[in-house]
């Protein structure tokens, strides 16, 4: 399963978050794979996509950064899955 994790650095936490990211690199917990990470230039916002069969790893990563970052996490599907799922839902009613 894929998860889109949107982050926003909390007010007053930029320097600490920046240092932590450069020191450790923000690795994902075992059992998950980072698909990609994107940063919005000139802001404190960004996104990452994680692939995992264990959603606890998403929670663990968010908790590791929770002191510094606010998170919005959404399960997401690629077109190849969303198309058939939407057709099945339409057929049900």
N, C-alpha and C. Protein backbone atom coordinates (compact mmCIF):
# COMPACT_ATOMS: atom_id res chain seq x y z
N UNK A 1 0.85 -1.18 0.00
CA UNK A 1 0.00 0.00 0.00
C UNK A 1 0.89 1.23 0.00
N UNK A 2 0.40 2.26 -0.68
CA UNK A 2 1.11 3.53 -0.73
C UNK A 2 0.45 4.54 0.20
N UNK A 3 1.28 5.36 0.82
CA UNK A 3 0.81 6.43 1.70
C UNK A 3 1.49 7.73 1.31
N UNK A 4 0.69 8.78 1.11
CA UNK A 4 1.22 10.11 0.89
C UNK A 4 1.26 10.80 2.24
N UNK A 5 2.44 11.21 2.65
CA UNK A 5 2.61 11.90 3.92
C UNK A 5 3.01 13.34 3.63
N UNK A 6 2.13 14.27 3.99
CA UNK A 6 2.42 15.69 3.80
C UNK A 6 2.89 16.25 5.14
N UNK A 7 3.99 16.99 5.12
CA UNK A 7 4.49 17.56 6.36
C UNK A 7 4.53 19.07 6.30
N UNK A 8 4.49 19.67 7.49
CA UNK A 8 4.68 21.10 7.65
C UNK A 8 5.47 21.27 8.95
N UNK A 9 6.61 21.91 8.84
CA UNK A 9 7.43 22.13 10.03
C UNK A 9 6.70 23.10 10.96
N UNK A 10 6.63 22.73 12.22
CA UNK A 10 5.94 23.56 13.21
C UNK A 10 6.66 24.90 13.39
N UNK A 11 5.91 25.95 13.73
CA UNK A 11 6.52 27.26 13.96
C UNK A 11 7.64 27.17 15.00
N UNK A 12 8.76 27.81 14.69
CA UNK A 12 9.89 27.84 15.61
C UNK A 12 10.76 26.59 15.60
N UNK A 13 10.45 25.63 14.73
CA UNK A 13 11.18 24.36 14.72
C UNK A 13 12.05 24.16 13.48
N UNK A 14 12.14 25.17 12.61
CA UNK A 14 12.86 24.98 11.36
C UNK A 14 14.32 24.57 11.58
N UNK A 15 15.04 25.28 12.40
CA UNK A 15 16.47 25.00 12.58
C UNK A 15 16.69 23.58 13.13
N UNK A 16 15.91 23.20 14.11
CA UNK A 16 16.06 21.86 14.69
C UNK A 16 15.69 20.78 13.67
N UNK A 17 14.62 20.99 12.92
CA UNK A 17 14.21 20.02 11.90
C UNK A 17 15.26 19.93 10.80
N UNK A 18 15.77 21.07 10.37
CA UNK A 18 16.79 21.11 9.34
C UNK A 18 18.03 20.33 9.79
N UNK A 19 18.49 20.58 11.01
CA UNK A 19 19.67 19.87 11.54
C UNK A 19 19.42 18.38 11.65
N UNK A 20 18.27 17.99 12.16
CA UNK A 20 17.95 16.57 12.31
C UNK A 20 17.92 15.88 10.95
N UNK A 21 17.34 16.53 9.96
CA UNK A 21 17.26 15.95 8.62
C UNK A 21 18.66 15.76 8.02
N UNK A 22 19.52 16.75 8.17
CA UNK A 22 20.86 16.65 7.59
C UNK A 22 21.75 15.68 8.36
N UNK A 23 21.53 15.50 9.64
CA UNK A 23 22.33 14.56 10.43
C UNK A 23 21.94 13.12 10.16
N UNK A 24 20.65 12.84 10.13
CA UNK A 24 20.18 11.45 10.04
C UNK A 24 19.61 11.09 8.67
N UNK A 25 19.16 12.08 7.91
CA UNK A 25 18.60 11.81 6.59
C UNK A 25 17.17 11.34 6.60
N UNK A 26 16.53 11.24 7.74
CA UNK A 26 15.12 10.84 7.86
C UNK A 26 14.83 9.49 7.21
N UNK A 27 15.58 8.44 7.60
CA UNK A 27 15.31 7.13 7.02
C UNK A 27 13.95 6.60 7.45
N UNK A 28 13.37 5.77 6.60
CA UNK A 28 12.09 5.14 6.92
C UNK A 28 12.35 3.91 7.80
N UNK A 29 11.41 3.57 8.65
CA UNK A 29 11.55 2.37 9.48
C UNK A 29 11.62 1.10 8.64
N UNK A 30 12.23 0.09 9.19
CA UNK A 30 12.29 -1.21 8.52
C UNK A 30 10.88 -1.68 8.21
N UNK A 31 10.71 -2.24 7.04
CA UNK A 31 9.39 -2.71 6.62
C UNK A 31 8.66 -1.72 5.74
N UNK A 32 9.32 -0.59 5.45
CA UNK A 32 8.72 0.39 4.55
C UNK A 32 9.80 0.85 3.56
N UNK A 33 9.32 1.37 2.44
CA UNK A 33 10.23 1.84 1.39
C UNK A 33 9.83 3.24 0.98
N UNK A 34 10.79 4.16 1.02
CA UNK A 34 10.55 5.52 0.56
C UNK A 34 10.52 5.52 -0.97
N UNK A 35 9.37 5.87 -1.54
CA UNK A 35 9.23 5.95 -2.99
C UNK A 35 9.83 7.26 -3.49
N UNK A 36 9.58 8.35 -2.76
CA UNK A 36 10.12 9.65 -3.12
C UNK A 36 9.78 10.68 -2.07
N UNK A 37 10.58 11.75 -2.05
CA UNK A 37 10.37 12.84 -1.11
C UNK A 37 10.52 14.14 -1.88
N UNK A 38 9.59 15.08 -1.66
CA UNK A 38 9.59 16.35 -2.37
C UNK A 38 9.49 17.50 -1.37
N UNK A 39 10.21 18.56 -1.65
CA UNK A 39 10.25 19.74 -0.79
C UNK A 39 9.75 20.93 -1.60
N UNK A 40 8.90 21.76 -0.99
CA UNK A 40 8.42 22.97 -1.65
C UNK A 40 9.43 24.09 -1.37
N UNK A 41 10.12 24.57 -2.39
CA UNK A 41 11.13 25.60 -2.18
C UNK A 41 10.56 26.84 -1.50
N UNK A 42 11.33 27.38 -0.58
CA UNK A 42 10.93 28.61 0.09
C UNK A 42 9.80 28.45 1.08
N UNK A 43 9.51 27.20 1.48
CA UNK A 43 8.43 26.97 2.44
C UNK A 43 8.89 25.96 3.48
N UNK A 44 8.00 25.62 4.37
CA UNK A 44 8.28 24.58 5.38
C UNK A 44 7.43 23.35 5.10
N UNK A 45 6.99 23.19 3.85
CA UNK A 45 6.11 22.10 3.46
C UNK A 45 6.84 21.09 2.58
N UNK A 46 6.35 19.86 2.63
CA UNK A 46 6.88 18.83 1.76
C UNK A 46 6.00 17.60 1.79
N UNK A 47 6.35 16.63 0.95
CA UNK A 47 5.58 15.41 0.80
C UNK A 47 6.52 14.24 0.64
N UNK A 48 6.06 13.09 1.07
CA UNK A 48 6.78 11.86 0.76
C UNK A 48 5.76 10.77 0.50
N UNK A 49 6.15 9.82 -0.33
CA UNK A 49 5.33 8.65 -0.60
C UNK A 49 6.08 7.45 -0.06
N UNK A 50 5.37 6.66 0.72
CA UNK A 50 5.93 5.47 1.36
C UNK A 50 5.15 4.26 0.89
N UNK A 51 5.86 3.17 0.64
CA UNK A 51 5.22 1.91 0.31
C UNK A 51 5.46 0.95 1.47
N UNK A 52 4.37 0.36 1.97
CA UNK A 52 4.49 -0.60 3.07
C UNK A 52 3.24 -1.45 3.17
N UNK A 53 3.43 -2.66 3.64
CA UNK A 53 2.30 -3.52 3.97
C UNK A 53 1.95 -3.41 5.45
N UNK A 54 2.75 -2.65 6.19
CA UNK A 54 2.56 -2.48 7.62
C UNK A 54 2.38 -1.00 7.93
N UNK A 55 1.14 -0.52 8.07
CA UNK A 55 0.92 0.91 8.31
C UNK A 55 1.52 1.42 9.62
N UNK A 56 1.89 0.53 10.51
CA UNK A 56 2.55 0.97 11.74
C UNK A 56 3.86 1.69 11.44
N UNK A 57 4.54 1.32 10.34
CA UNK A 57 5.79 1.99 10.01
C UNK A 57 5.56 3.46 9.65
N UNK A 58 4.40 3.76 9.07
CA UNK A 58 4.06 5.15 8.76
C UNK A 58 3.87 5.93 10.06
N UNK A 59 3.20 5.30 11.01
CA UNK A 59 2.98 5.94 12.31
C UNK A 59 4.32 6.16 13.03
N UNK A 60 5.18 5.16 12.97
CA UNK A 60 6.49 5.27 13.64
C UNK A 60 7.27 6.45 13.07
N UNK A 61 7.31 6.56 11.75
CA UNK A 61 8.05 7.66 11.13
C UNK A 61 7.46 9.02 11.54
N UNK A 62 6.15 9.12 11.50
CA UNK A 62 5.51 10.38 11.89
C UNK A 62 5.81 10.71 13.35
N UNK A 63 5.80 9.70 14.21
CA UNK A 63 6.08 9.93 15.62
C UNK A 63 7.52 10.36 15.86
N UNK A 64 8.45 9.82 15.05
CA UNK A 64 9.86 10.20 15.19
C UNK A 64 10.07 11.69 14.95
N UNK A 65 9.21 12.29 14.15
CA UNK A 65 9.32 13.69 13.80
C UNK A 65 8.22 14.55 14.41
N UNK A 66 7.35 13.95 15.19
CA UNK A 66 6.17 14.63 15.71
C UNK A 66 6.43 15.86 16.53
N UNK A 67 7.57 15.94 17.19
CA UNK A 67 7.92 17.11 17.99
C UNK A 67 8.15 18.34 17.10
N UNK A 68 8.55 18.07 15.85
CA UNK A 68 8.96 19.16 14.96
C UNK A 68 8.02 19.40 13.78
N UNK A 69 7.22 18.38 13.46
CA UNK A 69 6.47 18.41 12.21
C UNK A 69 5.01 18.03 12.43
N UNK A 70 4.11 18.73 11.73
CA UNK A 70 2.70 18.34 11.66
C UNK A 70 2.51 17.49 10.41
N UNK A 71 1.73 16.42 10.52
CA UNK A 71 1.56 15.48 9.41
C UNK A 71 0.10 15.36 8.99
N UNK A 72 -0.10 15.18 7.70
CA UNK A 72 -1.36 14.69 7.13
C UNK A 72 -0.98 13.48 6.29
N UNK A 73 -1.58 12.34 6.59
CA UNK A 73 -1.24 11.10 5.90
C UNK A 73 -2.48 10.53 5.24
N UNK A 74 -2.34 10.14 3.96
CA UNK A 74 -3.46 9.64 3.18
C UNK A 74 -3.05 8.40 2.42
N UNK A 75 -3.78 7.28 2.56
CA UNK A 75 -3.52 6.14 1.69
C UNK A 75 -3.86 6.53 0.25
N UNK A 76 -3.02 6.13 -0.70
CA UNK A 76 -3.24 6.49 -2.10
C UNK A 76 -3.07 5.27 -3.00
N UNK A 77 -3.70 5.32 -4.17
CA UNK A 77 -3.64 4.24 -5.15
C UNK A 77 -3.17 4.81 -6.48
N UNK A 78 -2.39 4.05 -7.25
CA UNK A 78 -2.05 4.48 -8.60
C UNK A 78 -3.24 4.25 -9.53
N UNK A 79 -3.18 4.83 -10.70
CA UNK A 79 -4.26 4.68 -11.68
C UNK A 79 -4.61 3.22 -11.93
N UNK A 80 -3.60 2.37 -12.00
CA UNK A 80 -3.83 0.95 -12.31
C UNK A 80 -4.75 0.27 -11.29
N UNK A 81 -4.78 0.77 -10.07
CA UNK A 81 -5.67 0.22 -9.05
C UNK A 81 -6.96 1.04 -8.93
N UNK A 82 -6.84 2.34 -9.06
CA UNK A 82 -8.01 3.20 -8.87
C UNK A 82 -9.06 3.00 -9.95
N UNK A 83 -8.62 2.81 -11.19
CA UNK A 83 -9.57 2.62 -12.28
C UNK A 83 -10.48 1.43 -12.07
N UNK A 84 -9.93 0.23 -11.89
CA UNK A 84 -10.78 -0.95 -11.64
C UNK A 84 -11.62 -0.81 -10.37
N UNK A 85 -11.07 -0.19 -9.33
CA UNK A 85 -11.83 -0.03 -8.09
C UNK A 85 -13.03 0.89 -8.30
N UNK A 86 -12.84 1.96 -9.09
CA UNK A 86 -13.96 2.88 -9.31
C UNK A 86 -15.04 2.23 -10.16
N UNK A 87 -14.63 1.38 -11.11
CA UNK A 87 -15.62 0.65 -11.92
C UNK A 87 -16.41 -0.34 -11.04
N UNK A 88 -15.73 -1.03 -10.15
CA UNK A 88 -16.39 -1.97 -9.26
C UNK A 88 -17.37 -1.23 -8.34
N UNK A 89 -16.97 -0.08 -7.85
CA UNK A 89 -17.86 0.70 -6.98
C UNK A 89 -19.09 1.18 -7.73
N UNK A 90 -18.90 1.58 -8.97
CA UNK A 90 -20.01 2.05 -9.79
C UNK A 90 -21.00 0.92 -10.05
N UNK A 91 -20.48 -0.28 -10.29
CA UNK A 91 -21.34 -1.43 -10.55
C UNK A 91 -22.15 -1.83 -9.33
N UNK A 92 -21.60 -1.58 -8.14
CA UNK A 92 -22.33 -1.91 -6.89
C UNK A 92 -23.46 -0.93 -6.62
N UNK A 93 -23.34 0.24 -7.19
CA UNK A 93 -24.43 1.04 -6.99
C UNK A 93 -24.60 2.38 -6.70
